[in-house]
Amino acid sequence: MVSPILHTPTAEANKLYRVEPYVISGDIYDLKNQVGRSGWTWYTGSASWVYRVWLEEVLGFKLRGQTLSLNCSIPKEWDQFKLQYRYKTFNYDITVTNPHHLNSGNPSITLDGVLLSSLEIPLLDDGGQHKVNIILKPFA
């Protein structure tokens, strides 16, 4: 019931709800002619929390000092997802591929075509553009 997505499955429901689909509402009206309309959205600060949950818990983005790891927990139906991350003057184009349709898996990580021996991606400030490819594989 908290998720805005559940309140807006159709165009008609979205017109009634009337607020941003990424913000958790503090109130759902029960007034005549307004039943189901949302209110009090931004006072909750929920947009930032929803963003953080998706980024850190679903996509698995974990920033720790000068390293980055991705330990995702995604829907099995996702074939892949992409992220762009900028660390100081350093840009990362990150692609996570899910060929076995897993919720999570044993990641194989390459940085600029070089297989990493660790699950941590080093963050450098060299002003470059770098590609990170992660393939989710089943656990052995």
Protein backbone atom coordinates (compact mmCIF):
# COMPACT_ATOMS: atom_id res chain seq x y z
CA MET A 1 0.00 0.00 0.00
CA VAL A 2 2.96 2.37 0.48
CA SER A 3 4.25 2.09 -3.08
CA PRO A 4 2.97 4.83 -5.41
CA ILE A 5 3.19 2.37 -8.30
CA LEU A 6 0.29 0.40 -6.83
CA HIS A 7 -1.88 3.52 -6.83
CA THR A 8 -1.26 4.31 -10.52
CA PRO A 9 -1.65 1.12 -12.60
CA THR A 10 -3.88 2.86 -15.19
CA ALA A 11 -4.10 6.29 -16.76
CA GLU A 12 -7.39 6.88 -14.93
CA ALA A 13 -5.87 5.98 -11.55
CA ASN A 14 -2.89 8.22 -12.28
CA LYS A 15 -5.21 11.19 -12.97
CA LEU A 16 -6.88 10.60 -9.63
CA TYR A 17 -3.64 10.11 -7.65
CA ARG A 18 -2.20 13.37 -9.11
CA VAL A 19 1.32 13.31 -7.67
CA GLU A 20 4.76 12.13 -8.66
CA PRO A 21 4.97 8.33 -9.01
CA TYR A 22 8.37 8.23 -7.27
CA VAL A 23 7.29 10.00 -4.08
CA ILE A 24 5.61 8.18 -1.22
CA SER A 25 2.55 10.06 -0.14
CA GLY A 26 1.87 11.07 3.43
CA ASP A 27 -1.89 11.00 2.86
CA ILE A 28 -4.48 9.41 0.56
CA TYR A 29 -7.69 11.47 0.59
CA ASP A 30 -11.02 10.01 1.57
CA LEU A 31 -13.04 13.15 0.81
CA LYS A 32 -16.11 13.09 -1.41
CA ASN A 33 -15.04 13.34 -5.09
CA GLN A 34 -11.35 12.94 -4.11
CA VAL A 35 -11.12 9.38 -2.80
CA GLY A 36 -7.71 8.02 -3.76
CA ARG A 37 -6.05 11.39 -4.39
CA SER A 38 -2.62 11.74 -2.86
CA GLY A 39 -1.35 14.57 -0.72
CA TRP A 40 1.54 15.66 1.48
CA THR A 41 4.25 14.20 -0.70
CA TRP A 42 7.41 16.27 -0.41
CA TYR A 43 7.28 16.88 3.31
CA THR A 44 8.17 13.23 3.88
CA GLY A 45 11.49 13.43 1.99
CA SER A 46 10.50 10.13 0.48
CA ALA A 47 11.86 10.75 -3.03
CA SER A 48 15.42 10.66 -1.74
CA TRP A 49 14.75 7.50 0.25
CA VAL A 50 13.11 5.74 -2.70
CA TYR A 51 16.07 6.75 -4.89
CA ARG A 52 18.50 5.45 -2.29
CA VAL A 53 16.66 2.12 -1.89
CA TRP A 54 16.66 1.55 -5.67
CA LEU A 55 20.29 2.56 -6.08
CA GLU A 56 21.77 0.77 -3.06
CA GLU A 57 19.49 -2.16 -2.37
CA VAL A 58 18.06 -3.13 -5.77
CA LEU A 59 20.92 -2.12 -8.09
CA GLY A 60 23.43 -2.90 -5.31
CA PHE A 61 25.54 0.25 -5.69
CA LYS A 62 27.84 0.44 -2.65
CA LEU A 63 30.44 3.19 -2.39
CA ARG A 64 33.12 2.57 0.23
CA GLY A 65 36.06 4.96 0.28
CA GLN A 66 37.82 4.63 -3.06
CA THR A 67 36.04 1.46 -4.16
CA LEU A 68 32.67 0.66 -5.64
CA SER A 69 30.82 -2.64 -5.60
CA LEU A 70 27.56 -3.74 -7.16
CA ASN A 71 25.74 -6.58 -5.46
CA CYS A 72 22.32 -6.31 -7.04
CA SER A 73 19.01 -7.89 -6.20
CA ILE A 74 17.01 -7.35 -9.37
CA PRO A 75 13.92 -8.87 -11.00
CA LYS A 76 14.77 -12.08 -12.87
CA GLU A 77 13.17 -10.65 -16.01
CA TRP A 78 15.82 -7.93 -16.38
CA ASP A 79 18.31 -8.74 -19.13
CA GLN A 80 20.57 -5.86 -18.12
CA PHE A 81 20.76 -2.39 -16.65
CA LYS A 82 23.18 0.49 -17.02
CA LEU A 83 24.52 3.12 -14.67
CA GLN A 84 26.72 6.12 -15.18
CA TYR A 85 28.78 7.25 -12.21
CA ARG A 86 31.18 10.16 -11.89
CA TYR A 87 33.88 10.05 -9.24
CA LYS A 88 35.58 13.46 -9.13
CA THR A 89 36.84 13.79 -12.74
CA PHE A 90 36.54 10.07 -13.51
CA ASN A 91 33.52 8.71 -15.42
CA TYR A 92 32.30 5.14 -15.23
CA ASP A 93 29.90 3.59 -17.71
CA ILE A 94 28.62 0.48 -15.95
CA THR A 95 26.65 -2.29 -17.64
CA VAL A 96 25.27 -5.22 -15.65
CA THR A 97 24.20 -8.14 -17.84
CA ASN A 98 21.93 -10.91 -16.56
CA PRO A 99 22.06 -13.73 -19.17
CA HIS A 100 20.80 -16.41 -16.75
CA HIS A 101 17.88 -14.31 -15.47
CA LEU A 102 18.96 -14.32 -11.83
CA ASN A 103 17.80 -12.12 -8.95
CA SER A 104 21.43 -11.92 -7.86
CA GLY A 105 24.50 -13.84 -8.79
CA ASN A 106 28.23 -14.34 -8.73
CA PRO A 107 29.47 -11.28 -10.66
CA SER A 108 32.31 -11.40 -13.17
CA ILE A 109 33.68 -7.85 -13.42
CA THR A 110 35.88 -6.30 -16.08
CA LEU A 111 37.26 -2.76 -16.00
CA ASP A 112 38.26 -1.52 -19.44
CA GLY A 113 38.35 -5.12 -20.67
CA VAL A 114 40.56 -6.40 -17.82
CA LEU A 115 39.03 -9.03 -15.53
CA LEU A 116 39.16 -7.91 -11.91
CA SER A 117 40.24 -10.43 -9.28
CA SER A 118 38.11 -8.68 -6.67
CA LEU A 119 34.44 -7.72 -6.52
CA GLU A 120 35.50 -4.15 -5.76
CA ILE A 121 35.96 -1.65 -8.56
CA PRO A 122 38.82 0.78 -7.85
CA LEU A 123 37.92 4.47 -8.10
CA LEU A 124 40.64 6.64 -9.59
CA ASP A 125 40.65 10.34 -10.28
CA ASP A 126 42.43 10.39 -13.65
CA GLY A 127 39.90 12.37 -15.69
CA GLY A 128 39.19 9.35 -17.85
CA GLN A 129 36.20 7.53 -19.22
CA HIS A 130 36.08 3.88 -18.21
CA LYS A 131 33.82 0.95 -18.93
CA VAL A 132 32.79 -1.56 -16.32
CA ASN A 133 31.05 -4.74 -17.46
CA ILE A 134 29.48 -7.04 -14.94
CA ILE A 135 27.99 -10.40 -15.86
CA LEU A 136 25.80 -12.13 -13.30
CA LYS A 137 26.57 -15.84 -13.16
CA PRO A 138 25.01 -18.55 -11.02
CA PHE A 139 26.80 -19.31 -7.75
CA ALA A 140 28.87 -22.49 -8.02
